[in-house]
PDB file of all heavy atoms in Angstrom:
ATOM      1  N   LEU A   1       0.832  -1.207   0.000  1.00  0.00           N
ATOM      2  CA  LEU A   1       0.000   0.000   0.000  1.00  0.00           C
ATOM      3  C   LEU A   1       0.867   1.257   0.000  1.00  0.00           C
ATOM      4  O   LEU A   1       0.572   2.227  -0.714  1.00  0.00           O
ATOM      5  CB  LEU A   1      -0.937   0.002   1.212  1.00  0.00           C
ATOM      6  CG  LEU A   1      -2.066  -1.017   1.194  1.00  0.00           C
ATOM      7  CD1 LEU A   1      -2.775  -1.040   2.540  1.00  0.00           C
ATOM      8  CD2 LEU A   1      -3.032  -0.739   0.060  1.00  0.00           C
ATOM      9  N   HIS A   2       1.933   1.242   0.775  1.00  0.00           N
ATOM     10  CA  HIS A   2       2.820   2.402   0.878  1.00  0.00           C
ATOM     11  C   HIS A   2       3.454   2.727  -0.479  1.00  0.00           C
ATOM     12  O   HIS A   2       3.405   3.874  -0.929  1.00  0.00           O
ATOM     13  CB  HIS A   2       3.896   2.100   1.926  1.00  0.00           C
ATOM     14  CG  HIS A   2       4.609   3.304   2.423  1.00  0.00           C
ATOM     15  ND1 HIS A   2       4.039   4.198   3.304  1.00  0.00           N
ATOM     16  CD2 HIS A   2       5.864   3.763   2.184  1.00  0.00           C
ATOM     17  CE1 HIS A   2       4.902   5.151   3.572  1.00  0.00           C
ATOM     18  NE2 HIS A   2       6.020   4.912   2.903  1.00  0.00           N
ATOM     19  N   VAL A   3       4.009   1.717  -1.126  1.00  0.00           N
ATOM     20  CA  VAL A   3       4.669   1.929  -2.418  1.00  0.00           C
ATOM     21  C   VAL A   3       3.645   2.302  -3.494  1.00  0.00           C
ATOM     22  O   VAL A   3       3.895   3.183  -4.322  1.00  0.00           O
ATOM     23  CB  VAL A   3       5.486   0.680  -2.824  1.00  0.00           C
ATOM     24  CG1 VAL A   3       5.998   0.787  -4.257  1.00  0.00           C
ATOM     25  CG2 VAL A   3       6.654   0.481  -1.865  1.00  0.00           C
ATOM     26  N   THR A   4       2.485   1.676  -3.471  1.00  0.00           N
ATOM     27  CA  THR A   4       1.442   1.985  -4.456  1.00  0.00           C
ATOM     28  C   THR A   4       1.013   3.443  -4.363  1.00  0.00           C
ATOM     29  O   THR A   4       0.956   4.156  -5.372  1.00  0.00           O
ATOM     30  CB  THR A   4       0.215   1.062  -4.254  1.00  0.00           C
ATOM     31  OG1 THR A   4       0.629  -0.292  -4.443  1.00  0.00           O
ATOM     32  CG2 THR A   4      -0.903   1.406  -5.216  1.00  0.00           C
ATOM     33  N   PHE A   5       0.743   3.916  -3.160  1.00  0.00           N
ATOM     34  CA  PHE A   5       0.272   5.291  -3.017  1.00  0.00           C
ATOM     35  C   PHE A   5       1.392   6.315  -3.212  1.00  0.00           C
ATOM     36  O   PHE A   5       1.141   7.423  -3.676  1.00  0.00           O
ATOM     37  CB  PHE A   5      -0.488   5.472  -1.697  1.00  0.00           C
ATOM     38  CG  PHE A   5      -1.886   4.955  -1.803  1.00  0.00           C
ATOM     39  CD1 PHE A   5      -2.183   3.633  -1.530  1.00  0.00           C
ATOM     40  CD2 PHE A   5      -2.907   5.783  -2.244  1.00  0.00           C
ATOM     41  CE1 PHE A   5      -3.472   3.146  -1.679  1.00  0.00           C
ATOM     42  CE2 PHE A   5      -4.202   5.310  -2.391  1.00  0.00           C
ATOM     43  CZ  PHE A   5      -4.486   3.988  -2.108  1.00  0.00           C
ATOM     44  N   ALA A   6       2.636   5.932  -2.923  1.00  0.00           N
ATOM     45  CA  ALA A   6       3.759   6.816  -3.230  1.00  0.00           C
ATOM     46  C   ALA A   6       3.892   6.963  -4.742  1.00  0.00           C
ATOM     47  O   ALA A   6       4.145   8.070  -5.256  1.00  0.00           O
ATOM     48  CB  ALA A   6       5.054   6.263  -2.628  1.00  0.00           C
ATOM     49  N   ALA A   7       3.699   5.873  -5.474  1.00  0.00           N
ATOM     50  CA  ALA A   7       3.766   5.928  -6.942  1.00  0.00           C
ATOM     51  C   ALA A   7       2.626   6.778  -7.514  1.00  0.00           C
ATOM     52  O   ALA A   7       2.827   7.539  -8.463  1.00  0.00           O
ATOM     53  CB  ALA A   7       3.716   4.515  -7.517  1.00  0.00           C
ATOM     54  N   ILE A   8       1.445   6.674  -6.918  1.00  0.00           N
ATOM     55  CA  ILE A   8       0.311   7.496  -7.356  1.00  0.00           C
ATOM     56  C   ILE A   8       0.625   8.979  -7.163  1.00  0.00           C
ATOM     57  O   ILE A   8       0.394   9.798  -8.056  1.00  0.00           O
ATOM     58  CB  ILE A   8      -0.978   7.093  -6.606  1.00  0.00           C
ATOM     59  CG1 ILE A   8      -1.465   5.722  -7.079  1.00  0.00           C
ATOM     60  CG2 ILE A   8      -2.076   8.148  -6.779  1.00  0.00           C
ATOM     61  CD1 ILE A   8      -2.560   5.111  -6.211  1.00  0.00           C
ATOM     62  N   ALA A   9       1.174   9.324  -6.005  1.00  0.00           N
ATOM     63  CA  ALA A   9       1.519  10.728  -5.732  1.00  0.00           C
ATOM     64  C   ALA A   9       2.576  11.223  -6.703  1.00  0.00           C
ATOM     65  O   ALA A   9       2.453  12.306  -7.277  1.00  0.00           O
ATOM     66  CB  ALA A   9       2.008  10.878  -4.290  1.00  0.00           C
ATOM     67  N   MET A  10       3.618  10.428  -6.905  1.00  0.00           N
ATOM     68  CA  MET A  10       4.686  10.839  -7.816  1.00  0.00           C
ATOM     69  C   MET A  10       4.151  10.968  -9.246  1.00  0.00           C
ATOM     70  O   MET A  10       4.499  11.912  -9.955  1.00  0.00           O
ATOM     71  CB  MET A  10       5.831   9.842  -7.774  1.00  0.00           C
ATOM     72  CG  MET A  10       7.030  10.270  -8.586  1.00  0.00           C
ATOM     73  SD  MET A  10       8.361   9.102  -8.302  1.00  0.00           S
ATOM     74  CE  MET A  10       9.660   9.885  -9.208  1.00  0.00           C
ATOM     75  N   GLY A  11       3.303  10.040  -9.648  1.00  0.00           N
ATOM     76  CA  GLY A  11       2.722  10.095 -10.991  1.00  0.00           C
ATOM     77  C   GLY A  11       1.855  11.329 -11.190  1.00  0.00           C
ATOM     78  O   GLY A  11       1.902  11.968 -12.237  1.00  0.00           O
ATOM     79  N   GLY A  12       1.081  11.671 -10.169  1.00  0.00           N
ATOM     80  CA  GLY A  12       0.233  12.865 -10.260  1.00  0.00           C
ATOM     81  C   GLY A  12       1.055  14.140 -10.388  1.00  0.00           C
ATOM     82  O   GLY A  12       0.734  15.032 -11.177  1.00  0.00           O
ATOM     83  N   ILE A  13       2.119  14.207  -9.616  1.00  0.00           N
ATOM     84  CA  ILE A  13       2.986  15.386  -9.685  1.00  0.00           C
ATOM     85  C   ILE A  13       3.702  15.435 -11.031  1.00  0.00           C
ATOM     86  O   ILE A  13       3.790  16.494 -11.661  1.00  0.00           O
ATOM     87  CB  ILE A  13       3.983  15.394  -8.504  1.00  0.00           C
ATOM     88  CG1 ILE A  13       3.232  15.599  -7.191  1.00  0.00           C
ATOM     89  CG2 ILE A  13       5.041  16.481  -8.692  1.00  0.00           C
ATOM     90  CD1 ILE A  13       4.066  15.373  -5.957  1.00  0.00           C
ATOM     91  N   ALA A  14       4.203  14.301 -11.492  1.00  0.00           N
ATOM     92  CA  ALA A  14       4.891  14.254 -12.787  1.00  0.00           C
ATOM     93  C   ALA A  14       3.943  14.643 -13.927  1.00  0.00           C
ATOM     94  O   ALA A  14       4.305  15.433 -14.804  1.00  0.00           O
ATOM     95  CB  ALA A  14       5.474  12.863 -13.030  1.00  0.00           C
ATOM     96  N   LEU A  15       2.731  14.116 -13.907  1.00  0.00           N
ATOM     97  CA  LEU A  15       1.744  14.463 -14.935  1.00  0.00           C
ATOM     98  C   LEU A  15       1.462  15.963 -14.926  1.00  0.00           C
ATOM     99  O   LEU A  15       1.421  16.603 -15.988  1.00  0.00           O
ATOM    100  CB  LEU A  15       0.450  13.678 -14.710  1.00  0.00           C
ATOM    101  CG  LEU A  15      -0.683  14.039 -15.678  1.00  0.00           C
ATOM    102  CD1 LEU A  15      -0.388  13.471 -17.057  1.00  0.00           C
ATOM    103  CD2 LEU A  15      -2.011  13.537 -15.163  1.00  0.00           C
ATOM    104  N   THR A  16       1.285  16.500 -13.738  1.00  0.00           N
ATOM    105  CA  THR A  16       1.005  17.930 -13.623  1.00  0.00           C
ATOM    106  C   THR A  16       2.160  18.763 -14.153  1.00  0.00           C
ATOM    107  O   THR A  16       1.964  19.702 -14.927  1.00  0.00           O
ATOM    108  CB  THR A  16       0.707  18.308 -12.153  1.00  0.00           C
ATOM    109  OG1 THR A  16      -0.425  17.541 -11.719  1.00  0.00           O
ATOM    110  CG2 THR A  16       0.401  19.781 -12.006  1.00  0.00           C
ATOM    111  N   LEU A  17       3.384  18.411 -13.743  1.00  0.00           N
ATOM    112  CA  LEU A  17       4.566  19.185 -14.149  1.00  0.00           C
ATOM    113  C   LEU A  17       4.856  19.106 -15.634  1.00  0.00           C
ATOM    114  O   LEU A  17       5.158  20.109 -16.271  1.00  0.00           O
ATOM    115  CB  LEU A  17       5.792  18.682 -13.388  1.00  0.00           C
ATOM    116  CG  LEU A  17       6.053  19.265 -12.029  1.00  0.00           C
ATOM    117  CD1 LEU A  17       7.216  18.544 -11.364  1.00  0.00           C
ATOM    118  CD2 LEU A  17       6.340  20.744 -12.117  1.00  0.00           C
ATOM    119  N   TRP A  18       4.820  17.892 -16.177  1.00  0.00           N
ATOM    120  CA  TRP A  18       5.319  17.691 -17.536  1.00  0.00           C
ATOM    121  C   TRP A  18       4.239  17.618 -18.604  1.00  0.00           C
ATOM    122  O   TRP A  18       4.554  17.641 -19.791  1.00  0.00           O
ATOM    123  CB  TRP A  18       6.195  16.456 -17.576  1.00  0.00           C
ATOM    124  CG  TRP A  18       7.415  16.633 -16.696  1.00  0.00           C
ATOM    125  CD1 TRP A  18       8.185  17.747 -16.592  1.00  0.00           C
ATOM    126  CD2 TRP A  18       7.963  15.688 -15.799  1.00  0.00           C
ATOM    127  NE1 TRP A  18       9.181  17.546 -15.686  1.00  0.00           N
ATOM    128  CE2 TRP A  18       9.089  16.286 -15.168  1.00  0.00           C
ATOM    129  CE3 TRP A  18       7.639  14.381 -15.450  1.00  0.00           C
ATOM    130  CZ2 TRP A  18       9.875  15.628 -14.234  1.00  0.00           C
ATOM    131  CZ3 TRP A  18       8.434  13.733 -14.508  1.00  0.00           C
ATOM    132  CH2 TRP A  18       9.536  14.354 -13.920  1.00  0.00           C
ATOM    133  N   ALA A  19       2.957  17.570 -18.204  1.00  0.00           N
ATOM    134  CA  ALA A  19       1.889  17.528 -19.200  1.00  0.00           C
ATOM    135  C   ALA A  19       0.870  18.651 -18.997  1.00  0.00           C
ATOM    136  O   ALA A  19       0.585  19.403 -19.923  1.00  0.00           O
ATOM    137  CB  ALA A  19       1.186  16.174 -19.173  1.00  0.00           C
ATOM    138  N   LEU A  20       0.347  18.776 -17.803  1.00  0.00           N
ATOM    139  CA  LEU A  20      -0.728  19.740 -17.569  1.00  0.00           C
ATOM    140  C   LEU A  20      -0.245  21.184 -17.647  1.00  0.00           C
ATOM    141  O   LEU A  20      -0.815  21.992 -18.390  1.00  0.00           O
ATOM    142  CB  LEU A  20      -1.391  19.475 -16.214  1.00  0.00           C
ATOM    143  CG  LEU A  20      -2.537  20.430 -15.874  1.00  0.00           C
ATOM    144  CD1 LEU A  20      -3.690  20.265 -16.861  1.00  0.00           C
ATOM    145  CD2 LEU A  20      -3.005  20.213 -14.447  1.00  0.00           C
ATOM    146  N   ILE A  21       0.783  21.528 -16.890  1.00  0.00           N
ATOM    147  CA  ILE A  21       1.248  22.925 -16.859  1.00  0.00           C
ATOM    148  C   ILE A  21       1.662  23.417 -18.246  1.00  0.00           C
ATOM    149  O   ILE A  21       1.234  24.499 -18.667  1.00  0.00           O
ATOM    150  CB  ILE A  21       2.361  23.114 -15.803  1.00  0.00           C
ATOM    151  CG1 ILE A  21       1.756  22.967 -14.398  1.00  0.00           C
ATOM    152  CG2 ILE A  21       3.052  24.468 -15.953  1.00  0.00           C
ATOM    153  CD1 ILE A  21       2.772  22.965 -13.265  1.00  0.00           C
ATOM    154  N   PRO A  22       2.458  22.644 -19.020  1.00  0.00           N
ATOM    155  CA  PRO A  22       2.789  23.112 -20.372  1.00  0.00           C
ATOM    156  C   PRO A  22       1.567  23.239 -21.285  1.00  0.00           C
ATOM    157  O   PRO A  22       1.477  24.165 -22.094  1.00  0.00           O
ATOM    158  CB  PRO A  22       3.748  22.050 -20.903  1.00  0.00           C
ATOM    159  CG  PRO A  22       4.316  21.391 -19.702  1.00  0.00           C
ATOM    160  CD  PRO A  22       3.228  21.441 -18.676  1.00  0.00           C
ATOM    161  N   THR A  23       0.610  22.327 -21.138  1.00  0.00           N
ATOM    162  CA  THR A  23      -0.591  22.373 -21.969  1.00  0.00           C
ATOM    163  C   THR A  23      -1.447  23.597 -21.642  1.00  0.00           C
ATOM    164  O   THR A  23      -2.022  24.214 -22.542  1.00  0.00           O
ATOM    165  CB  THR A  23      -1.415  21.079 -21.789  1.00  0.00           C
ATOM    166  OG1 THR A  23      -0.594  19.972 -22.167  1.00  0.00           O
ATOM    167  CG2 THR A  23      -2.668  21.094 -22.647  1.00  0.00           C
ATOM    168  N   LEU A  24      -1.521  23.967 -20.374  1.00  0.00           N
ATOM    169  CA  LEU A  24      -2.321  25.129 -19.984  1.00  0.00           C
ATOM    170  C   LEU A  24      -1.793  26.424 -20.603  1.00  0.00           C
ATOM    171  O   LEU A  24      -2.552  27.371 -20.792  1.00  0.00           O
ATOM    172  CB  LEU A  24      -2.378  25.258 -18.457  1.00  0.00           C
ATOM    173  CG  LEU A  24      -3.189  24.184 -17.731  1.00  0.00           C
ATOM    174  CD1 LEU A  24      -3.112  24.388 -16.226  1.00  0.00           C
ATOM    175  CD2 LEU A  24      -4.636  24.173 -18.207  1.00  0.00           C
ATOM    176  N   LYS A  25      -0.523  26.445 -20.935  1.00  0.00           N
ATOM    177  CA  LYS A  25       0.064  27.631 -21.585  1.00  0.00           C
ATOM    178  C   LYS A  25      -0.392  27.769 -23.035  1.00  0.00           C
ATOM    179  O   LYS A  25      -0.258  28.823 -23.621  1.00  0.00           O
ATOM    180  CB  LYS A  25       1.589  27.574 -21.514  1.00  0.00           C
ATOM    181  CG  LYS A  25       2.111  27.724 -20.099  1.00  0.00           C
ATOM    182  CD  LYS A  25       3.615  27.605 -20.057  1.00  0.00           C
ATOM    183  CE  LYS A  25       4.102  27.714 -18.618  1.00  0.00           C
ATOM    184  NZ  LYS A  25       5.525  27.489 -18.489  1.00  0.00           N
ATOM    185  N   GLU A  26      -0.934  26.684 -23.587  1.00  0.00           N
ATOM    186  CA  GLU A  26      -1.349  26.667 -24.992  1.00  0.00           C
ATOM    187  C   GLU A  26      -2.824  26.982 -25.204  1.00  0.00           C
ATOM    188  O   GLU A  26      -3.273  27.077 -26.335  1.00  0.00           O
ATOM    189  CB  GLU A  26      -1.032  25.299 -25.609  1.00  0.00           C
ATOM    190  CG  GLU A  26       0.443  24.965 -25.602  1.00  0.00           C
ATOM    191  CD  GLU A  26       0.721  23.535 -26.038  1.00  0.00           C
ATOM    192  OE1 GLU A  26      -0.228  22.816 -26.431  1.00  0.00           O
ATOM    193  OE2 GLU A  26       1.893  23.143 -25.972  1.00  0.00           O
ATOM    194  N   VAL A  27      -3.588  27.118 -24.120  1.00  0.00           N
ATOM    195  CA  VAL A  27      -5.019  27.405 -24.244  1.00  0.00           C
ATOM    196  C   VAL A  27      -5.302  28.816 -23.736  1.00  0.00           C
ATOM    197  O   VAL A  27      -4.445  29.462 -23.146  1.00  0.00           O
ATOM    198  CB  VAL A  27      -5.880  26.360 -23.471  1.00  0.00           C
ATOM    199  CG1 VAL A  27      -5.656  24.964 -24.034  1.00  0.00           C
ATOM    200  CG2 VAL A  27      -5.594  26.382 -21.989  1.00  0.00           C
ATOM    201  N   SER A  28      -6.515  29.282 -23.979  1.00  0.00           N
ATOM    202  CA  SER A  28      -6.881  30.632 -23.552  1.00  0.00           C
ATOM    203  C   SER A  28      -6.776  30.757 -22.031  1.00  0.00           C
ATOM    204  O   SER A  28      -6.954  29.772 -21.308  1.00  0.00           O
ATOM    205  CB  SER A  28      -8.314  30.952 -23.994  1.00  0.00           C
ATOM    206  OG  SER A  28      -9.232  30.201 -23.236  1.00  0.00           O
ATOM    207  N   PRO A  29      -6.513  31.965 -21.543  1.00  0.00           N
ATOM    208  CA  PRO A  29      -6.400  32.161 -20.092  1.00  0.00           C
ATOM    209  C   PRO A  29      -7.661  31.729 -19.333  1.00  0.00           C
ATOM    210  O   PRO A  29      -7.564  31.183 -18.234  1.00  0.00           O
ATOM    211  CB  PRO A  29      -6.153  33.662 -19.948  1.00  0.00           C
ATOM    212  CG  PRO A  29      -5.559  34.081 -21.246  1.00  0.00           C
ATOM    213  CD  PRO A  29      -6.173  33.178 -22.279  1.00  0.00           C
ATOM    214  N   GLU A  30      -8.835  31.963 -19.926  1.00  0.00           N
ATOM    215  CA  GLU A  30     -10.079  31.571 -19.259  1.00  0.00           C
ATOM    216  C   GLU A  30     -10.168  30.048 -19.139  1.00  0.00           C
ATOM    217  O   GLU A  30     -10.521  29.514 -18.093  1.00  0.00           O
ATOM    218  CB  GLU A  30     -11.306  32.095 -20.017  1.00  0.00           C
ATOM    219  CG  GLU A  30     -11.390  33.608 -20.107  1.00  0.00           C
ATOM    220  CD  GLU A  30     -10.533  34.194 -21.244  1.00  0.00           C
ATOM    221  OE1 GLU A  30     -10.191  33.459 -22.216  1.00  0.00           O
ATOM    222  OE2 GLU A  30     -10.184  35.378 -21.147  1.00  0.00           O
ATOM    223  N   SER A  31      -9.860  29.357 -20.241  1.00  0.00           N
ATOM    224  CA  SER A  31      -9.888  27.893 -20.220  1.00  0.00           C
ATOM    225  C   SER A  31      -8.836  27.345 -19.263  1.00  0.00           C
ATOM    226  O   SER A  31      -9.100  26.400 -18.508  1.00  0.00           O
ATOM    227  CB  SER A  31      -9.633  27.330 -21.619  1.00  0.00           C
ATOM    228  OG  SER A  31     -10.670  27.681 -22.485  1.00  0.00           O
ATOM    229  N   ALA A  32      -7.658  27.945 -19.298  1.00  0.00           N
ATOM    230  CA  ALA A  32      -6.578  27.502 -18.407  1.00  0.00           C
ATOM    231  C   ALA A  32      -6.991  27.649 -16.943  1.00  0.00           C
ATOM    232  O   ALA A  32      -6.736  26.758 -16.129  1.00  0.00           O
ATOM    233  CB  ALA A  32      -5.303  28.292 -18.689  1.00  0.00           C
ATOM    234  N   ALA A  33      -7.648  28.759 -16.613  1.00  0.00           N
ATOM    235  CA  ALA A  33      -8.081  28.995 -15.230  1.00  0.00           C
ATOM    236  C   ALA A  33      -9.128  27.968 -14.807  1.00  0.00           C
ATOM    237  O   ALA A  33      -9.062  27.417 -13.701  1.00  0.00           O
ATOM    238  CB  ALA A  33      -8.625  30.410 -15.077  1.00  0.00           C
ATOM    239  N   THR A  34     -10.082  27.687 -15.691  1.00  0.00           N
ATOM    240  CA  THR A  34     -11.130  26.709 -15.383  1.00  0.00           C
ATOM    241  C   THR A  34     -10.542  25.321 -15.187  1.00  0.00           C
ATOM    242  O   THR A  34     -10.866  24.628 -14.211  1.00  0.00           O
ATOM    243  CB  THR A  34     -12.180  26.675 -16.519  1.00  0.00           C
ATOM    244  OG1 THR A  34     -12.723  27.979 -16.678  1.00  0.00           O
ATOM    245  CG2 THR A  34     -13.283  25.685 -16.230  1.00  0.00           C
ATOM    246  N   ILE A  35      -9.691  24.923 -16.116  1.00  0.00           N
ATOM    247  CA  ILE A  35      -9.052  23.595 -16.027  1.00  0.00           C
ATOM    248  C   ILE A  35      -8.181  23.513 -14.771  1.00  0.00           C
ATOM    249  O   ILE A  35      -8.238  22.539 -14.024  1.00  0.00           O
ATOM    250  CB  ILE A  35      -8.225  23.301 -17.293  1.00  0.00           C
ATOM    251  CG1 ILE A  35      -9.158  23.143 -18.498  1.00  0.00           C
ATOM    252  CG2 ILE A  35      -7.371  22.048 -17.108  1.00  0.00           C
ATOM    253  CD1 ILE A  35      -8.443  23.131 -19.839  1.00  0.00           C
ATOM    254  N   SER A  36      -7.391  24.537 -14.542  1.00  0.00           N
ATOM    255  CA  SER A  36      -6.487  24.562 -13.393  1.00  0.00           C
ATOM    256  C   SER A  36      -7.246  24.454 -12.076  1.00  0.00           C
ATOM    257  O   SER A  36      -6.853  23.703 -11.175  1.00  0.00           O
ATOM    258  CB  SER A  36      -5.652  25.834 -13.419  1.00  0.00           C
ATOM    259  OG  SER A  36      -4.748  25.841 -12.359  1.00  0.00           O
ATOM    260  N   GLN A  37      -8.351  25.184 -11.945  1.00  0.00           N
ATOM    261  CA  GLN A  37      -9.146  25.125 -10.715  1.00  0.00           C
ATOM    262  C   GLN A  37      -9.741  23.736 -10.514  1.00  0.00           C
ATOM    263  O   GLN A  37      -9.733  23.203  -9.398  1.00  0.00           O
ATOM    264  CB  GLN A  37     -10.251  26.179 -10.744  1.00  0.00           C
ATOM    265  CG  GLN A  37      -9.743  27.579 -10.560  1.00  0.00           C
ATOM    266  CD  GLN A  37     -10.824  28.621 -10.818  1.00  0.00           C
ATOM    267  OE1 GLN A  37     -11.944  28.300 -11.206  1.00  0.00           O
ATOM    268  NE2 GLN A  37     -10.472  29.888 -10.601  1.00  0.00           N
ATOM    269  N   GLY A  38     -10.262  23.139 -11.577  1.00  0.00           N
ATOM    270  CA  GLY A  38     -10.850  21.801 -11.476  1.00  0.00           C
ATOM    271  C   GLY A  38      -9.828  20.745 -11.120  1.00  0.00           C
ATOM    272  O   GLY A  38     -10.048  19.902 -10.241  1.00  0.00           O
ATOM    273  N   VAL A  39      -8.677  20.810 -11.783  1.00  0.00           N
ATOM    274  CA  VAL A  39      -7.622  19.839 -11.504  1.00  0.00           C
ATOM    275  C   VAL A  39      -7.083  20.040 -10.088  1.00  0.00           C
ATOM    276  O   VAL A  39      -6.869  19.071  -9.357  1.00  0.00           O
ATOM    277  CB  VAL A  39      -6.488  19.942 -12.551  1.00  0.00           C
ATOM    278  CG1 VAL A  39      -5.270  19.134 -12.126  1.00  0.00           C
ATOM    279  CG2 VAL A  39      -6.983  19.480 -13.907  1.00  0.00           C
ATOM    280  N   SER A  40      -6.872  21.292  -9.693  1.00  0.00           N
ATOM    281  CA  SER A  40      -6.349  21.574  -8.344  1.00  0.00           C
ATOM    282  C   SER A  40      -7.285  21.035  -7.262  1.00  0.00           C
ATOM    283  O   SER A  40      -6.825  20.460  -6.272  1.00  0.00           O
ATOM    284  CB  SER A  40      -6.152  23.072  -8.146  1.00  0.00           C
ATOM    285  OG  SER A  40      -5.090  23.532  -8.932  1.00  0.00           O
ATOM    286  N   ARG A  41      -8.570  21.220  -7.456  1.00  0.00           N
ATOM    287  CA  ARG A  41      -9.541  20.739  -6.473  1.00  0.00           C
ATOM    288  C   ARG A  41      -9.479  19.211  -6.375  1.00  0.00           C
ATOM    289  O   ARG A  41      -9.380  18.647  -5.286  1.00  0.00           O
ATOM    290  CB  ARG A  41     -10.946  21.207  -6.857  1.00  0.00           C
ATOM    291  CG  ARG A  41     -12.005  20.903  -5.827  1.00  0.00           C
ATOM    292  CD  ARG A  41     -13.364  21.475  -6.197  1.00  0.00           C
ATOM    293  NE  ARG A  41     -13.879  20.951  -7.452  1.00  0.00           N
ATOM    294  CZ  ARG A  41     -13.949  21.641  -8.602  1.00  0.00           C
ATOM    295  NH1 ARG A  41     -13.553  22.895  -8.653  1.00  0.00           N
ATOM    296  NH2 ARG A  41     -14.414  21.092  -9.690  1.00  0.00           N
TER     297      ARG A  41
END
């Protein structure tokens, strides 16, 4: 359980850093804000 949930946390952070944040720079500020708020929550 410990290793599984550590991998989930690391994967979520990696996805956010290397996929989500760069992608949000490519969409309109309004869309980026909406997506960012939903994902953050």
